[in-house]
Amino acid sequence: MHLRSLKKTRKDVSLHDPIGTDKEGNEISLMDILGTDANEVIDKVEFKIERSKIYKNIHVLDKREKEVIIGRFGLESGEEKTQREIARELGISRSYVSRIEKRALMKLLHEFYRKHPERK
């Protein structure tokens, strides 16, 4: 049984596991080769997870709420927009965008916790 469990995790790789040595004989890890700060990698992964959660629950929003949330958080383009930019695009006031955003985030939050009550 233990061998089966090891077989499942054999393909798992940590960013911090040594993968070789450099010219001076120092161990190098995958993180070293990526050439980025560890927090930057973690932030990107967390962003993708959060974006996935939003997409799974976005059906609870109406059309305008979807437009605001997608624009504010750069869900399609990767570029976040300000409330002022979204207001200009939609032909509404910045304060109205703020209210729509707040209402949409509350709907998403309620939907997420409705599906996952253990995370409260």
N, C-alpha and C. Protein backbone atom coordinates (compact mmCIF):
# COMPACT_ATOMS: atom_id res chain seq x y z
N MET A 1 0.83 -1.19 0.00
CA MET A 1 0.00 0.00 0.00
C MET A 1 0.87 1.25 0.00
N HIS A 2 1.93 1.23 0.80
CA HIS A 2 2.83 2.38 0.87
C HIS A 2 3.48 2.64 -0.49
N LEU A 3 3.82 1.56 -1.20
CA LEU A 3 4.44 1.72 -2.51
C LEU A 3 3.48 2.36 -3.50
N ARG A 4 2.20 2.03 -3.41
CA ARG A 4 1.21 2.66 -4.28
C ARG A 4 1.11 4.15 -4.02
N SER A 5 1.13 4.54 -2.75
CA SER A 5 1.03 5.97 -2.44
C SER A 5 2.28 6.70 -2.90
N LEU A 6 3.44 6.07 -2.84
CA LEU A 6 4.67 6.69 -3.34
C LEU A 6 4.62 6.85 -4.86
N LYS A 7 4.02 5.88 -5.53
CA LYS A 7 3.92 5.93 -6.98
C LYS A 7 3.10 7.15 -7.44
N LYS A 8 2.06 7.48 -6.67
CA LYS A 8 1.22 8.62 -7.01
C LYS A 8 1.96 9.94 -6.87
N THR A 9 2.83 10.04 -5.90
CA THR A 9 3.52 11.31 -5.65
C THR A 9 4.88 11.38 -6.32
N ARG A 10 5.29 10.33 -6.99
CA ARG A 10 6.61 10.30 -7.61
C ARG A 10 6.76 11.41 -8.64
N LYS A 11 5.70 11.79 -9.31
CA LYS A 11 5.76 12.82 -10.34
C LYS A 11 5.68 14.24 -9.77
N ASP A 12 5.36 14.37 -8.50
CA ASP A 12 5.27 15.69 -7.88
C ASP A 12 6.66 16.29 -7.75
N VAL A 13 6.76 17.56 -8.07
CA VAL A 13 8.05 18.26 -8.00
C VAL A 13 7.85 19.55 -7.21
N SER A 14 8.75 19.80 -6.30
CA SER A 14 8.73 21.06 -5.55
C SER A 14 9.62 22.06 -6.25
N LEU A 15 9.25 23.31 -6.20
CA LEU A 15 10.09 24.36 -6.79
C LEU A 15 11.41 24.49 -6.06
N HIS A 16 11.49 23.97 -4.85
CA HIS A 16 12.69 24.12 -4.04
C HIS A 16 13.57 22.87 -4.04
N ASP A 17 13.13 21.78 -4.67
CA ASP A 17 13.94 20.57 -4.74
C ASP A 17 15.17 20.82 -5.60
N PRO A 18 16.33 20.29 -5.20
CA PRO A 18 17.53 20.46 -6.02
C PRO A 18 17.38 19.68 -7.33
N ILE A 19 17.81 20.32 -8.44
CA ILE A 19 17.73 19.66 -9.75
C ILE A 19 19.09 19.53 -10.41
N GLY A 20 20.11 20.03 -9.75
CA GLY A 20 21.45 19.96 -10.31
C GLY A 20 22.38 20.89 -9.56
N THR A 21 23.55 21.13 -10.15
CA THR A 21 24.52 22.03 -9.54
C THR A 21 25.00 23.04 -10.56
N ASP A 22 25.42 24.20 -10.07
CA ASP A 22 25.97 25.22 -10.96
C ASP A 22 27.47 25.02 -11.12
N LYS A 23 28.15 25.94 -11.80
CA LYS A 23 29.59 25.81 -12.09
C LYS A 23 30.44 25.75 -10.82
N GLU A 24 29.96 26.41 -9.76
CA GLU A 24 30.71 26.40 -8.50
C GLU A 24 30.38 25.20 -7.62
N GLY A 25 29.49 24.35 -8.05
CA GLY A 25 29.14 23.17 -7.26
C GLY A 25 27.97 23.40 -6.32
N ASN A 26 27.33 24.57 -6.36
CA ASN A 26 26.17 24.86 -5.51
C ASN A 26 24.93 24.21 -6.11
N GLU A 27 24.07 23.68 -5.22
CA GLU A 27 22.82 23.10 -5.69
C GLU A 27 21.93 24.19 -6.26
N ILE A 28 21.25 23.86 -7.36
CA ILE A 28 20.27 24.80 -7.91
C ILE A 28 18.91 24.12 -7.92
N SER A 29 17.88 24.93 -7.76
CA SER A 29 16.51 24.40 -7.74
C SER A 29 15.76 24.95 -8.94
N LEU A 30 14.60 24.43 -9.16
CA LEU A 30 13.75 24.91 -10.25
C LEU A 30 13.44 26.39 -10.06
N MET A 31 13.28 26.80 -8.82
CA MET A 31 13.01 28.21 -8.52
C MET A 31 14.15 29.10 -9.00
N ASP A 32 15.38 28.63 -8.85
CA ASP A 32 16.54 29.40 -9.32
C ASP A 32 16.51 29.58 -10.83
N ILE A 33 16.11 28.56 -11.53
CA ILE A 33 16.09 28.61 -12.98
C ILE A 33 14.96 29.50 -13.49
N LEU A 34 13.85 29.50 -12.77
CA LEU A 34 12.73 30.36 -13.18
C LEU A 34 13.13 31.82 -13.16
N GLY A 35 14.06 32.17 -12.30
CA GLY A 35 14.58 33.53 -12.27
C GLY A 35 13.62 34.57 -11.73
N THR A 36 12.69 34.15 -10.92
CA THR A 36 11.75 35.10 -10.34
C THR A 36 11.74 34.95 -8.83
N ASP A 37 11.23 35.95 -8.20
CA ASP A 37 11.06 35.92 -6.76
C ASP A 37 10.00 34.86 -6.42
N ALA A 38 10.21 34.12 -5.36
CA ALA A 38 9.27 33.06 -4.97
C ALA A 38 7.87 33.62 -4.77
N ASN A 39 7.77 34.80 -4.19
CA ASN A 39 6.45 35.39 -3.95
C ASN A 39 5.74 35.72 -5.26
N GLU A 40 6.50 36.07 -6.28
CA GLU A 40 5.90 36.38 -7.57
C GLU A 40 5.24 35.14 -8.17
N VAL A 41 5.90 34.02 -8.07
CA VAL A 41 5.35 32.76 -8.57
C VAL A 41 4.10 32.41 -7.78
N ILE A 42 4.18 32.50 -6.47
CA ILE A 42 3.04 32.19 -5.62
C ILE A 42 1.87 33.11 -5.93
N ASP A 43 2.15 34.41 -6.12
CA ASP A 43 1.09 35.36 -6.44
C ASP A 43 0.40 35.00 -7.75
N LYS A 44 1.17 34.58 -8.75
CA LYS A 44 0.58 34.21 -10.04
C LYS A 44 -0.30 32.97 -9.90
N VAL A 45 0.16 32.01 -9.15
CA VAL A 45 -0.62 30.79 -8.94
C VAL A 45 -1.91 31.12 -8.19
N GLU A 46 -1.80 31.92 -7.13
CA GLU A 46 -2.99 32.30 -6.36
C GLU A 46 -3.97 33.07 -7.24
N PHE A 47 -3.46 33.95 -8.11
CA PHE A 47 -4.32 34.72 -9.00
C PHE A 47 -5.09 33.77 -9.93
N LYS A 48 -4.41 32.77 -10.46
CA LYS A 48 -5.08 31.83 -11.36
C LYS A 48 -6.16 31.03 -10.62
N ILE A 49 -5.88 30.67 -9.38
CA ILE A 49 -6.86 29.94 -8.58
C ILE A 49 -8.07 30.82 -8.31
N GLU A 50 -7.83 32.07 -7.91
CA GLU A 50 -8.93 32.99 -7.63
C GLU A 50 -9.75 33.27 -8.89
N ARG A 51 -9.07 33.45 -10.02
CA ARG A 51 -9.77 33.70 -11.28
C ARG A 51 -10.65 32.50 -11.62
N SER A 52 -10.14 31.31 -11.39
CA SER A 52 -10.92 30.11 -11.65
C SER A 52 -12.17 30.07 -10.78
N LYS A 53 -12.04 30.44 -9.51
CA LYS A 53 -13.20 30.47 -8.60
C LYS A 53 -14.23 31.48 -9.09
N ILE A 54 -13.77 32.63 -9.56
CA ILE A 54 -14.70 33.65 -10.05
C ILE A 54 -15.45 33.12 -11.28
N TYR A 55 -14.71 32.53 -12.22
CA TYR A 55 -15.35 32.01 -13.44
C TYR A 55 -16.36 30.91 -13.13
N LYS A 56 -16.10 30.10 -12.11
CA LYS A 56 -17.04 29.04 -11.76
C LYS A 56 -18.34 29.60 -11.20
N ASN A 57 -18.29 30.81 -10.64
CA ASN A 57 -19.46 31.40 -9.99
C ASN A 57 -20.01 32.62 -10.72
N ILE A 58 -19.43 32.98 -11.83
CA ILE A 58 -19.81 34.23 -12.50
C ILE A 58 -21.23 34.19 -13.06
N HIS A 59 -21.79 33.01 -13.19
CA HIS A 59 -23.15 32.87 -13.70
C HIS A 59 -24.19 33.56 -12.83
N VAL A 60 -23.87 33.86 -11.57
CA VAL A 60 -24.84 34.51 -10.68
C VAL A 60 -24.95 36.00 -10.94
N LEU A 61 -24.05 36.55 -11.76
CA LEU A 61 -24.04 37.99 -12.02
C LEU A 61 -24.84 38.31 -13.27
N ASP A 62 -25.42 39.52 -13.28
CA ASP A 62 -26.09 39.97 -14.50
C ASP A 62 -25.03 40.51 -15.46
N LYS A 63 -25.46 40.90 -16.66
CA LYS A 63 -24.52 41.30 -17.72
C LYS A 63 -23.62 42.47 -17.30
N ARG A 64 -24.20 43.49 -16.72
CA ARG A 64 -23.42 44.67 -16.34
C ARG A 64 -22.43 44.34 -15.22
N GLU A 65 -22.86 43.53 -14.25
CA GLU A 65 -21.97 43.13 -13.16
C GLU A 65 -20.78 42.33 -13.71
N LYS A 66 -21.05 41.44 -14.67
CA LYS A 66 -19.97 40.67 -15.29
C LYS A 66 -18.97 41.60 -15.97
N GLU A 67 -19.49 42.58 -16.72
CA GLU A 67 -18.60 43.53 -17.42
C GLU A 67 -17.69 44.26 -16.44
N VAL A 68 -18.26 44.69 -15.34
CA VAL A 68 -17.49 45.44 -14.34
C VAL A 68 -16.43 44.54 -13.70
N ILE A 69 -16.81 43.37 -13.26
CA ILE A 69 -15.87 42.47 -12.58
C ILE A 69 -14.77 42.02 -13.54
N ILE A 70 -15.12 41.66 -14.76
CA ILE A 70 -14.12 41.23 -15.74
C ILE A 70 -13.14 42.36 -16.02
N GLY A 71 -13.65 43.58 -16.16
CA GLY A 71 -12.78 44.72 -16.42
C GLY A 71 -11.92 45.11 -15.22
N ARG A 72 -12.52 45.16 -14.05
CA ARG A 72 -11.79 45.59 -12.84
C ARG A 72 -10.64 44.67 -12.50
N PHE A 73 -10.84 43.37 -12.68
CA PHE A 73 -9.82 42.41 -12.28
C PHE A 73 -9.05 41.82 -13.45
N GLY A 74 -9.27 42.36 -14.65
CA GLY A 74 -8.51 41.92 -15.82
C GLY A 74 -8.64 40.44 -16.11
N LEU A 75 -9.85 39.92 -15.96
CA LEU A 75 -10.05 38.48 -16.10
C LEU A 75 -9.87 37.97 -17.51
N GLU A 76 -10.11 38.80 -18.50
CA GLU A 76 -9.93 38.35 -19.88
C GLU A 76 -8.65 38.87 -20.49
N SER A 77 -8.36 40.13 -20.25
CA SER A 77 -7.19 40.75 -20.89
C SER A 77 -5.93 40.64 -20.04
N GLY A 78 -6.11 40.40 -18.75
CA GLY A 78 -4.96 40.38 -17.85
C GLY A 78 -4.59 41.77 -17.36
N GLU A 79 -5.27 42.77 -17.89
CA GLU A 79 -5.00 44.16 -17.51
C GLU A 79 -6.18 44.71 -16.70
N GLU A 80 -5.90 45.06 -15.46
CA GLU A 80 -6.95 45.59 -14.59
C GLU A 80 -7.26 47.03 -15.00
N LYS A 81 -8.54 47.38 -14.96
CA LYS A 81 -8.98 48.73 -15.30
C LYS A 81 -9.46 49.43 -14.05
N THR A 82 -9.37 50.75 -14.06
CA THR A 82 -9.88 51.54 -12.95
C THR A 82 -11.39 51.68 -13.08
N GLN A 83 -12.02 52.06 -11.98
CA GLN A 83 -13.47 52.31 -12.03
C GLN A 83 -13.78 53.43 -13.02
N ARG A 84 -12.91 54.42 -13.08
CA ARG A 84 -13.11 55.54 -14.00
C ARG A 84 -13.07 55.07 -15.46
N GLU A 85 -12.14 54.17 -15.79
CA GLU A 85 -12.05 53.65 -17.16
C GLU A 85 -13.29 52.85 -17.53
N ILE A 86 -13.75 52.04 -16.61
CA ILE A 86 -14.95 51.24 -16.86
C ILE A 86 -16.17 52.15 -17.00
N ALA A 87 -16.25 53.16 -16.16
CA ALA A 87 -17.37 54.12 -16.23
C ALA A 87 -17.42 54.78 -17.60
N ARG A 88 -16.26 55.17 -18.09
CA ARG A 88 -16.18 55.83 -19.40
C ARG A 88 -16.64 54.86 -20.49
N GLU A 89 -16.20 53.60 -20.43
CA GLU A 89 -16.58 52.61 -21.44
C GLU A 89 -18.08 52.31 -21.42
N LEU A 90 -18.66 52.25 -20.22
CA LEU A 90 -20.07 51.90 -20.10
C LEU A 90 -21.00 53.10 -20.14
N GLY A 91 -20.43 54.30 -20.09
CA GLY A 91 -21.25 55.51 -20.13
C GLY A 91 -22.03 55.75 -18.85
N ILE A 92 -21.42 55.38 -17.70
CA ILE A 92 -22.06 55.58 -16.41
C ILE A 92 -21.07 56.27 -15.47
N SER A 93 -21.51 56.65 -14.29
CA SER A 93 -20.62 57.35 -13.36
C SER A 93 -19.68 56.37 -12.65
N ARG A 94 -18.57 56.89 -12.17
CA ARG A 94 -17.60 56.08 -11.43
C ARG A 94 -18.23 55.54 -10.16
N SER A 95 -19.05 56.35 -9.49
CA SER A 95 -19.67 55.90 -8.24
C SER A 95 -20.66 54.76 -8.51
N TYR A 96 -21.32 54.79 -9.69
CA TYR A 96 -22.23 53.70 -10.03
C TYR A 96 -21.44 52.42 -10.29
N VAL A 97 -20.28 52.55 -10.94
CA VAL A 97 -19.40 51.38 -11.15
C VAL A 97 -19.01 50.80 -9.79
N SER A 98 -18.70 51.67 -8.84
CA SER A 98 -18.32 51.22 -7.50
C SER A 98 -19.45 50.43 -6.85
N ARG A 99 -20.68 50.91 -6.98
CA ARG A 99 -21.82 50.21 -6.39
C ARG A 99 -22.06 48.86 -7.08
N ILE A 100 -21.93 48.85 -8.41
CA ILE A 100 -22.10 47.59 -9.16
C ILE A 100 -21.03 46.58 -8.74
N GLU A 101 -19.80 47.06 -8.63
CA GLU A 101 -18.68 46.19 -8.23
C GLU A 101 -18.93 45.59 -6.85
N LYS A 102 -19.33 46.44 -5.92
CA LYS A 102 -19.57 45.97 -4.54
C LYS A 102 -20.69 44.92 -4.52
N ARG A 103 -21.77 45.19 -5.24
CA ARG A 103 -22.91 44.26 -5.28
C ARG A 103 -22.47 42.93 -5.93
N ALA A 104 -21.70 43.01 -7.00
CA ALA A 104 -21.25 41.80 -7.70
C ALA A 104 -20.33 40.96 -6.82
N LEU A 105 -19.41 41.62 -6.12
CA LEU A 105 -18.50 40.90 -5.23
C LEU A 105 -19.26 40.22 -4.10
N MET A 106 -20.27 40.87 -3.59
CA MET A 106 -21.08 40.26 -2.53
C MET A 106 -21.83 39.03 -3.07
N LYS A 107 -22.36 39.13 -4.29
CA LYS A 107 -23.03 37.98 -4.89
C LYS A 107 -22.06 36.82 -5.06
N LEU A 108 -20.86 37.11 -5.54
CA LEU A 108 -19.85 36.07 -5.73
C LEU A 108 -19.46 35.43 -4.40
N LEU A 109 -19.30 36.28 -3.40
CA LEU A 109 -18.94 35.78 -2.06
C LEU A 109 -20.03 34.86 -1.51
N HIS A 110 -21.28 35.29 -1.62
CA HIS A 110 -22.40 34.47 -1.12
C HIS A 110 -22.50 33.16 -1.90
N GLU A 111 -22.31 33.23 -3.19
CA GLU A 111 -22.38 32.01 -4.01
C GLU A 111 -21.25 31.05 -3.64
N PHE A 112 -20.06 31.57 -3.44
CA PHE A 112 -18.93 30.73 -3.07
C PHE A 112 -19.18 30.05 -1.73
N TYR A 113 -19.64 30.81 -0.75
CA TYR A 113 -19.88 30.21 0.57
C TYR A 113 -21.13 29.34 0.61
N ARG A 114 -22.04 29.56 -0.30
CA ARG A 114 -23.21 28.68 -0.41
C ARG A 114 -22.74 27.30 -0.87
N LYS A 115 -21.78 27.27 -1.79
CA LYS A 115 -21.25 26.01 -2.30
C LYS A 115 -20.24 25.38 -1.35
N HIS A 116 -19.57 26.20 -0.55
CA HIS A 116 -18.51 25.71 0.35
C HIS A 116 -18.75 26.25 1.77
N PRO A 117 -19.80 25.78 2.46
CA PRO A 117 -20.11 26.32 3.79
C PRO A 117 -19.03 26.07 4.82
N GLU A 118 -18.16 25.10 4.60
CA GLU A 118 -17.10 24.81 5.59
C GLU A 118 -16.02 25.88 5.60
N ARG A 119 -15.99 26.77 4.64
CA ARG A 119 -14.93 27.80 4.56
C ARG A 119 -15.31 29.10 5.24
N LYS A 120 -16.42 29.14 5.94
CA LYS A 120 -16.83 30.38 6.60
C LYS A 120 -15.94 30.74 7.73
